[in-house]
Amino acid sequence: MSDEKSRCGWSGSDPLYQQYHDNEWGKPVHDDRLFFEMLSLEAAQAGLSWSLILKRRAAYKDLFDNFDPQIVATYDEPKLAMLLQEARIIRNLRKIRSSVTNAQAFLKIQEEFGSFDAYIWRFVGGQPKINCFAALQDIPARTPE
């Protein structure tokens, strides 16, 4: 009998990608800090591979104050300039600056809805959507949500 886990085709053979698949992908999130982390990493990933971002995730956590939106929202120009020089992350000023802008918006959502969790889960009635697509090409690019 094989010890191989059943994984989605996109997880490939990279152990980091497989760990992400097995322990995080598709798992419901209710932690605002983790939500902000994932939003920030997704912004950094735009136009790049997710595996590249996963390899730099620890550096992002370190440099972006463990993705505490209260702290990131206060980053000033000297902090952005320092981050832009940091080789451990993607050095793109727009992507780095988006973390600050997104932190500020994130805090406004928390203020209005009590938490980002309460805000985001209302789009699906508080329950995960479970889809069973047979192949990657069957997954829609857009849904009503």
N, C-alpha and C. Protein backbone atom coordinates (compact mmCIF):
# COMPACT_ATOMS: atom_id res chain seq x y z
N MET A 1 0.84 -1.18 0.00
CA MET A 1 0.00 0.00 0.00
C MET A 1 0.89 1.25 0.00
N SER A 2 0.51 2.23 -0.77
CA SER A 2 1.31 3.45 -0.91
C SER A 2 0.97 4.45 0.19
N ASP A 3 1.99 5.20 0.62
CA ASP A 3 1.79 6.27 1.59
C ASP A 3 1.50 7.60 0.90
N GLU A 4 1.41 7.59 -0.43
CA GLU A 4 1.17 8.82 -1.20
C GLU A 4 -0.22 9.37 -0.90
N LYS A 5 -0.28 10.68 -0.68
CA LYS A 5 -1.56 11.34 -0.47
C LYS A 5 -2.19 11.64 -1.82
N SER A 6 -3.48 11.71 -1.83
CA SER A 6 -4.20 12.13 -3.02
C SER A 6 -4.15 13.65 -3.06
N ARG A 7 -3.60 14.19 -4.14
CA ARG A 7 -3.44 15.63 -4.26
C ARG A 7 -3.98 16.12 -5.60
N CYS A 8 -4.32 17.39 -5.61
CA CYS A 8 -4.71 18.03 -6.86
C CYS A 8 -3.51 18.06 -7.80
N GLY A 9 -3.78 18.04 -9.10
CA GLY A 9 -2.73 18.02 -10.09
C GLY A 9 -1.78 19.20 -10.01
N TRP A 10 -2.27 20.35 -9.56
CA TRP A 10 -1.44 21.55 -9.52
C TRP A 10 -0.36 21.48 -8.44
N SER A 11 -0.48 20.57 -7.48
CA SER A 11 0.49 20.56 -6.38
C SER A 11 1.86 20.04 -6.79
N GLY A 12 1.94 19.32 -7.89
CA GLY A 12 3.22 18.90 -8.44
C GLY A 12 4.08 18.09 -7.48
N SER A 13 5.40 18.22 -7.62
CA SER A 13 6.32 17.42 -6.81
C SER A 13 7.14 18.26 -5.83
N ASP A 14 6.96 19.56 -5.83
CA ASP A 14 7.68 20.44 -4.91
C ASP A 14 7.15 20.22 -3.49
N PRO A 15 8.02 19.82 -2.55
CA PRO A 15 7.56 19.56 -1.18
C PRO A 15 6.88 20.78 -0.53
N LEU A 16 7.34 21.98 -0.82
CA LEU A 16 6.73 23.18 -0.26
C LEU A 16 5.30 23.37 -0.78
N TYR A 17 5.14 23.14 -2.06
CA TYR A 17 3.82 23.23 -2.69
C TYR A 17 2.90 22.14 -2.12
N GLN A 18 3.43 20.94 -1.95
CA GLN A 18 2.64 19.85 -1.41
C GLN A 18 2.23 20.13 0.03
N GLN A 19 3.14 20.69 0.83
CA GLN A 19 2.82 21.05 2.22
C GLN A 19 1.70 22.08 2.23
N TYR A 20 1.79 23.07 1.36
CA TYR A 20 0.74 24.09 1.26
C TYR A 20 -0.59 23.42 0.89
N HIS A 21 -0.56 22.55 -0.11
CA HIS A 21 -1.76 21.84 -0.54
C HIS A 21 -2.37 21.04 0.61
N ASP A 22 -1.55 20.28 1.30
CA ASP A 22 -2.03 19.37 2.33
C ASP A 22 -2.52 20.08 3.59
N ASN A 23 -1.90 21.22 3.95
CA ASN A 23 -2.18 21.83 5.24
C ASN A 23 -2.93 23.16 5.20
N GLU A 24 -2.98 23.81 4.03
CA GLU A 24 -3.61 25.13 3.99
C GLU A 24 -4.67 25.29 2.90
N TRP A 25 -4.36 24.85 1.70
CA TRP A 25 -5.24 25.10 0.56
C TRP A 25 -6.61 24.47 0.79
N GLY A 26 -7.63 25.26 0.59
CA GLY A 26 -8.99 24.76 0.72
C GLY A 26 -9.50 24.64 2.15
N LYS A 27 -8.68 25.01 3.12
CA LYS A 27 -9.10 24.94 4.52
C LYS A 27 -9.74 26.27 4.91
N PRO A 28 -10.91 26.23 5.53
CA PRO A 28 -11.55 27.49 5.96
C PRO A 28 -10.65 28.27 6.91
N VAL A 29 -10.62 29.57 6.73
CA VAL A 29 -9.83 30.48 7.56
C VAL A 29 -10.78 31.39 8.33
N HIS A 30 -10.49 31.60 9.62
CA HIS A 30 -11.28 32.51 10.45
C HIS A 30 -10.38 33.45 11.26
N ASP A 31 -9.13 33.52 10.89
CA ASP A 31 -8.16 34.33 11.61
C ASP A 31 -7.82 35.57 10.76
N ASP A 32 -8.13 36.74 11.28
CA ASP A 32 -7.92 37.97 10.51
C ASP A 32 -6.46 38.17 10.12
N ARG A 33 -5.54 37.85 10.99
CA ARG A 33 -4.13 38.02 10.65
C ARG A 33 -3.74 37.14 9.47
N LEU A 34 -4.22 35.91 9.48
CA LEU A 34 -3.93 35.00 8.37
C LEU A 34 -4.61 35.48 7.09
N PHE A 35 -5.82 36.01 7.21
CA PHE A 35 -6.47 36.59 6.02
C PHE A 35 -5.60 37.69 5.43
N PHE A 36 -5.08 38.58 6.29
CA PHE A 36 -4.26 39.67 5.78
C PHE A 36 -2.95 39.13 5.18
N GLU A 37 -2.39 38.13 5.79
CA GLU A 37 -1.19 37.50 5.23
C GLU A 37 -1.45 36.99 3.82
N MET A 38 -2.54 36.25 3.67
CA MET A 38 -2.83 35.67 2.36
C MET A 38 -3.13 36.75 1.32
N LEU A 39 -3.85 37.80 1.71
CA LEU A 39 -4.10 38.90 0.78
C LEU A 39 -2.79 39.56 0.35
N SER A 40 -1.89 39.75 1.29
CA SER A 40 -0.61 40.38 0.99
C SER A 40 0.24 39.49 0.09
N LEU A 41 0.26 38.21 0.37
CA LEU A 41 1.04 37.29 -0.45
C LEU A 41 0.46 37.17 -1.85
N GLU A 42 -0.86 37.17 -1.95
CA GLU A 42 -1.51 37.12 -3.27
C GLU A 42 -1.15 38.35 -4.09
N ALA A 43 -1.08 39.51 -3.45
CA ALA A 43 -0.70 40.73 -4.16
C ALA A 43 0.75 40.63 -4.64
N ALA A 44 1.61 40.07 -3.82
CA ALA A 44 3.01 39.89 -4.20
C ALA A 44 3.14 38.90 -5.35
N GLN A 45 2.24 37.94 -5.39
CA GLN A 45 2.30 36.87 -6.39
C GLN A 45 1.84 37.33 -7.77
N ALA A 46 1.03 38.35 -7.88
CA ALA A 46 0.46 38.76 -9.16
C ALA A 46 1.51 38.73 -10.27
N GLY A 47 1.25 37.92 -11.29
CA GLY A 47 2.16 37.80 -12.42
C GLY A 47 3.32 36.84 -12.20
N LEU A 48 3.39 36.25 -11.02
CA LEU A 48 4.48 35.32 -10.68
C LEU A 48 3.88 33.99 -10.24
N SER A 49 4.73 33.02 -9.98
CA SER A 49 4.23 31.72 -9.53
C SER A 49 4.00 31.72 -8.02
N TRP A 50 3.01 30.97 -7.59
CA TRP A 50 2.71 30.85 -6.16
C TRP A 50 3.87 30.18 -5.43
N SER A 51 4.53 29.23 -6.08
CA SER A 51 5.65 28.55 -5.42
C SER A 51 6.78 29.53 -5.12
N LEU A 52 7.00 30.52 -5.98
CA LEU A 52 8.02 31.54 -5.72
C LEU A 52 7.69 32.30 -4.44
N ILE A 53 6.43 32.63 -4.26
CA ILE A 53 6.00 33.38 -3.07
C ILE A 53 6.09 32.49 -1.83
N LEU A 54 5.69 31.23 -1.95
CA LEU A 54 5.80 30.32 -0.80
C LEU A 54 7.24 30.19 -0.33
N LYS A 55 8.18 30.20 -1.26
CA LYS A 55 9.60 30.10 -0.89
C LYS A 55 10.07 31.35 -0.15
N ARG A 56 9.41 32.45 -0.34
CA ARG A 56 9.79 33.72 0.30
C ARG A 56 8.86 34.10 1.46
N ARG A 57 7.94 33.23 1.75
CA ARG A 57 6.92 33.53 2.77
C ARG A 57 7.51 33.89 4.13
N ALA A 58 8.49 33.15 4.59
CA ALA A 58 9.10 33.42 5.90
C ALA A 58 9.72 34.81 5.92
N ALA A 59 10.36 35.20 4.83
CA ALA A 59 10.96 36.54 4.75
C ALA A 59 9.88 37.61 4.78
N TYR A 60 8.79 37.38 4.07
CA TYR A 60 7.68 38.34 4.09
C TYR A 60 7.14 38.49 5.52
N LYS A 61 6.95 37.37 6.20
CA LYS A 61 6.46 37.43 7.59
C LYS A 61 7.39 38.24 8.47
N ASP A 62 8.67 38.01 8.30
CA ASP A 62 9.66 38.73 9.09
C ASP A 62 9.65 40.22 8.76
N LEU A 63 9.70 40.55 7.51
CA LEU A 63 9.83 41.95 7.08
C LEU A 63 8.53 42.75 7.20
N PHE A 64 7.38 42.07 7.14
CA PHE A 64 6.09 42.75 7.23
C PHE A 64 5.43 42.53 8.59
N ASP A 65 6.26 42.48 9.63
CA ASP A 65 5.77 42.43 11.02
C ASP A 65 4.69 41.38 11.23
N ASN A 66 4.96 40.17 10.73
CA ASN A 66 4.04 39.04 10.86
C ASN A 66 2.64 39.38 10.32
N PHE A 67 2.62 40.26 9.32
CA PHE A 67 1.39 40.68 8.66
C PHE A 67 0.35 41.22 9.64
N ASP A 68 0.80 41.99 10.59
CA ASP A 68 -0.12 42.68 11.50
C ASP A 68 -0.62 43.92 10.77
N PRO A 69 -1.90 43.95 10.38
CA PRO A 69 -2.39 45.09 9.59
C PRO A 69 -2.29 46.42 10.33
N GLN A 70 -2.36 46.40 11.65
CA GLN A 70 -2.22 47.63 12.44
C GLN A 70 -0.84 48.26 12.22
N ILE A 71 0.17 47.43 12.13
CA ILE A 71 1.53 47.91 11.94
C ILE A 71 1.78 48.26 10.48
N VAL A 72 1.41 47.35 9.58
CA VAL A 72 1.67 47.56 8.15
C VAL A 72 0.97 48.83 7.65
N ALA A 73 -0.19 49.14 8.18
CA ALA A 73 -0.94 50.34 7.77
C ALA A 73 -0.17 51.62 8.06
N THR A 74 0.80 51.56 8.95
CA THR A 74 1.55 52.76 9.34
C THR A 74 2.90 52.89 8.63
N TYR A 75 3.23 51.97 7.76
CA TYR A 75 4.52 52.03 7.07
C TYR A 75 4.65 53.35 6.32
N ASP A 76 5.80 53.98 6.48
CA ASP A 76 6.07 55.26 5.83
C ASP A 76 7.07 55.06 4.69
N GLU A 77 7.43 56.15 4.03
CA GLU A 77 8.33 56.08 2.88
C GLU A 77 9.69 55.47 3.22
N PRO A 78 10.32 55.83 4.36
CA PRO A 78 11.59 55.16 4.68
C PRO A 78 11.46 53.64 4.84
N LYS A 79 10.36 53.19 5.43
CA LYS A 79 10.14 51.75 5.58
C LYS A 79 9.96 51.11 4.20
N LEU A 80 9.20 51.75 3.33
CA LEU A 80 9.01 51.21 1.98
C LEU A 80 10.34 51.15 1.23
N ALA A 81 11.16 52.17 1.38
CA ALA A 81 12.47 52.19 0.73
C ALA A 81 13.34 51.06 1.25
N MET A 82 13.29 50.78 2.55
CA MET A 82 14.05 49.68 3.13
C MET A 82 13.57 48.35 2.55
N LEU A 83 12.25 48.17 2.47
CA LEU A 83 11.69 46.93 1.93
C LEU A 83 12.08 46.76 0.46
N LEU A 84 12.14 47.84 -0.26
CA LEU A 84 12.49 47.79 -1.68
C LEU A 84 13.93 47.30 -1.89
N GLN A 85 14.77 47.45 -0.89
CA GLN A 85 16.16 47.00 -0.97
C GLN A 85 16.34 45.56 -0.51
N GLU A 86 15.30 44.96 0.02
CA GLU A 86 15.39 43.63 0.63
C GLU A 86 15.29 42.53 -0.44
N ALA A 87 16.38 41.82 -0.66
CA ALA A 87 16.44 40.79 -1.71
C ALA A 87 15.63 39.54 -1.40
N ARG A 88 15.19 39.38 -0.17
CA ARG A 88 14.45 38.16 0.20
C ARG A 88 12.99 38.19 -0.24
N ILE A 89 12.51 39.35 -0.70
CA ILE A 89 11.12 39.46 -1.16
C ILE A 89 11.12 39.98 -2.59
N ILE A 90 9.93 40.07 -3.17
CA ILE A 90 9.78 40.63 -4.51
C ILE A 90 9.92 42.15 -4.39
N ARG A 91 10.92 42.70 -5.04
CA ARG A 91 11.21 44.13 -4.89
C ARG A 91 10.48 44.93 -5.98
N ASN A 92 9.22 45.11 -5.76
CA ASN A 92 8.38 45.88 -6.67
C ASN A 92 7.64 46.89 -5.80
N LEU A 93 7.89 48.16 -6.04
CA LEU A 93 7.32 49.19 -5.18
C LEU A 93 5.80 49.16 -5.16
N ARG A 94 5.18 48.93 -6.28
CA ARG A 94 3.71 48.88 -6.31
C ARG A 94 3.18 47.73 -5.45
N LYS A 95 3.82 46.60 -5.52
CA LYS A 95 3.38 45.46 -4.71
C LYS A 95 3.63 45.72 -3.23
N ILE A 96 4.76 46.30 -2.91
CA ILE A 96 5.06 46.61 -1.51
C ILE A 96 4.10 47.66 -0.99
N ARG A 97 3.88 48.71 -1.77
CA ARG A 97 2.97 49.78 -1.36
C ARG A 97 1.53 49.26 -1.22
N SER A 98 1.16 48.28 -2.05
CA SER A 98 -0.20 47.73 -1.96
C SER A 98 -0.47 47.09 -0.60
N SER A 99 0.57 46.57 0.03
CA SER A 99 0.38 45.99 1.37
C SER A 99 -0.07 47.05 2.37
N VAL A 100 0.47 48.25 2.24
CA VAL A 100 0.09 49.35 3.14
C VAL A 100 -1.34 49.79 2.85
N THR A 101 -1.64 50.01 1.58
CA THR A 101 -2.99 50.42 1.19
C THR A 101 -4.01 49.37 1.58
N ASN A 102 -3.67 48.11 1.35
CA ASN A 102 -4.58 47.02 1.71
C ASN A 102 -4.75 46.91 3.22
N ALA A 103 -3.69 47.16 3.98
CA ALA A 103 -3.81 47.13 5.44
C ALA A 103 -4.77 48.22 5.92
N GLN A 104 -4.67 49.39 5.33
CA GLN A 104 -5.57 50.49 5.71
C GLN A 104 -7.03 50.14 5.38
N ALA A 105 -7.26 49.57 4.21
CA ALA A 105 -8.62 49.14 3.85
C ALA A 105 -9.09 48.00 4.74
N PHE A 106 -8.20 47.08 5.06
CA PHE A 106 -8.50 45.94 5.93
C PHE A 106 -8.98 46.43 7.29
N LEU A 107 -8.30 47.43 7.83
CA LEU A 107 -8.68 47.99 9.14
C LEU A 107 -10.05 48.66 9.08
N LYS A 108 -10.37 49.31 7.98
CA LYS A 108 -11.69 49.92 7.82
C LYS A 108 -12.78 48.85 7.79
N ILE A 109 -12.50 47.74 7.11
CA ILE A 109 -13.46 46.63 7.06
C ILE A 109 -13.65 46.05 8.46
N GLN A 110 -12.55 45.86 9.19
CA GLN A 110 -12.66 45.36 10.56
C GLN A 110 -13.51 46.30 11.42
N GLU A 111 -13.29 47.58 11.25
CA GLU A 111 -14.05 48.56 12.04
C GLU A 111 -15.54 48.51 11.70
N GLU A 112 -15.86 48.39 10.43
CA GLU A 112 -17.26 48.38 10.01
C GLU A 112 -17.98 47.07 10.33
N PHE A 113 -17.29 45.93 10.16
CA PHE A 113 -17.95 44.63 10.29
C PHE A 113 -17.55 43.87 11.55
N GLY A 114 -16.65 44.42 12.35
CA GLY A 114 -16.20 43.74 13.57
C GLY A 114 -14.97 42.88 13.35
N SER A 115 -14.85 42.32 12.16
CA SER A 115 -13.68 41.53 11.78
C SER A 115 -13.71 41.34 10.27
N PHE A 116 -12.55 41.05 9.72
CA PHE A 116 -12.51 40.73 8.30
C PHE A 116 -13.21 39.40 8.06
N ASP A 117 -13.07 38.49 9.01
CA ASP A 117 -13.73 37.19 8.96
C ASP A 117 -15.24 37.35 8.77
N ALA A 118 -15.86 38.21 9.58
CA ALA A 118 -17.31 38.42 9.47
C ALA A 118 -17.66 38.99 8.10
N TYR A 119 -16.84 39.89 7.60
CA TYR A 119 -17.08 40.49 6.30
C TYR A 119 -17.00 39.47 5.17
N ILE A 120 -15.92 38.73 5.12
CA ILE A 120 -15.66 37.88 3.95
C ILE A 120 -16.58 36.66 3.91
N TRP A 121 -16.88 36.09 5.07
CA TRP A 121 -17.72 34.89 5.09
C TRP A 121 -19.18 35.17 4.80
N ARG A 122 -19.59 36.43 4.87
CA ARG A 122 -21.00 36.74 4.59
C ARG A 122 -21.34 36.51 3.12
N PHE A 123 -20.33 36.50 2.24
CA PHE A 123 -20.58 36.29 0.82
C PHE A 123 -21.02 34.86 0.50
N VAL A 124 -20.74 33.94 1.41
CA VAL A 124 -21.13 32.53 1.19
C VAL A 124 -21.97 32.01 2.35
N GLY A 125 -22.65 32.91 3.05
CA GLY A 125 -23.52 32.50 4.14
C GLY A 125 -22.80 31.82 5.29
N GLY A 126 -21.50 32.10 5.45
CA GLY A 126 -20.74 31.54 6.56
C GLY A 126 -20.29 30.10 6.37
N GLN A 127 -20.54 29.54 5.19
CA GLN A 127 -20.19 28.14 4.93
C GLN A 127 -19.30 28.03 3.71
N PRO A 128 -18.30 27.15 3.75
CA PRO A 128 -17.46 26.95 2.56
C PRO A 128 -18.29 26.42 1.39
N LYS A 129 -17.93 26.82 0.21
CA LYS A 129 -18.52 26.24 -1.00
C LYS A 129 -17.68 25.03 -1.37
N ILE A 130 -18.33 23.91 -1.55
CA ILE A 130 -17.63 22.69 -1.91
C ILE A 130 -17.97 22.37 -3.36
N ASN A 131 -16.96 22.44 -4.20
CA ASN A 131 -17.13 22.13 -5.62
C ASN A 131 -16.42 20.82 -5.91
N CYS A 132 -16.90 20.12 -6.89
CA CYS A 132 -16.30 18.84 -7.26
C CYS A 132 -16.06 18.82 -8.76
N PHE A 133 -15.13 19.62 -9.22
CA PHE A 133 -14.81 19.65 -10.64
C PHE A 133 -13.91 18.48 -10.97
N ALA A 134 -14.19 17.83 -12.09
CA ALA A 134 -13.45 16.64 -12.49
C ALA A 134 -12.06 16.97 -13.02
N ALA A 135 -11.90 18.14 -13.60
CA ALA A 135 -10.61 18.49 -14.20
C ALA A 135 -10.34 19.98 -13.99
N LEU A 136 -9.06 20.36 -14.00
CA LEU A 136 -8.69 21.75 -13.81
C LEU A 136 -9.38 22.67 -14.81
N GLN A 137 -9.52 22.21 -16.06
CA GLN A 137 -10.15 23.06 -17.08
C GLN A 137 -11.64 23.27 -16.85
N ASP A 138 -12.25 22.50 -15.96
CA ASP A 138 -13.67 22.66 -15.64
C ASP A 138 -13.92 23.76 -14.61
N ILE A 139 -12.88 24.22 -13.94
CA ILE A 139 -13.04 25.23 -12.89
C ILE A 139 -13.29 26.59 -13.55
N PRO A 140 -14.41 27.25 -13.21
CA PRO A 140 -14.71 28.54 -13.84
C PRO A 140 -13.77 29.63 -13.37
N ALA A 141 -13.51 30.57 -14.26
CA ALA A 141 -12.67 31.71 -13.91
C ALA A 141 -13.45 32.68 -13.03
N ARG A 142 -14.76 32.69 -13.12
CA ARG A 142 -15.62 33.58 -12.33
C ARG A 142 -16.82 32.81 -11.81
N THR A 143 -17.30 33.26 -10.67
CA THR A 143 -18.57 32.74 -10.11
C THR A 143 -19.40 33.93 -9.70
N PRO A 144 -20.67 33.76 -9.41
CA PRO A 144 -21.50 34.90 -8.97
C PRO A 144 -20.96 35.57 -7.71
N GLU A 145 -20.32 34.82 -6.84
CA GLU A 145 -19.77 35.38 -5.61
C GLU A 145 -18.60 36.29 -5.92
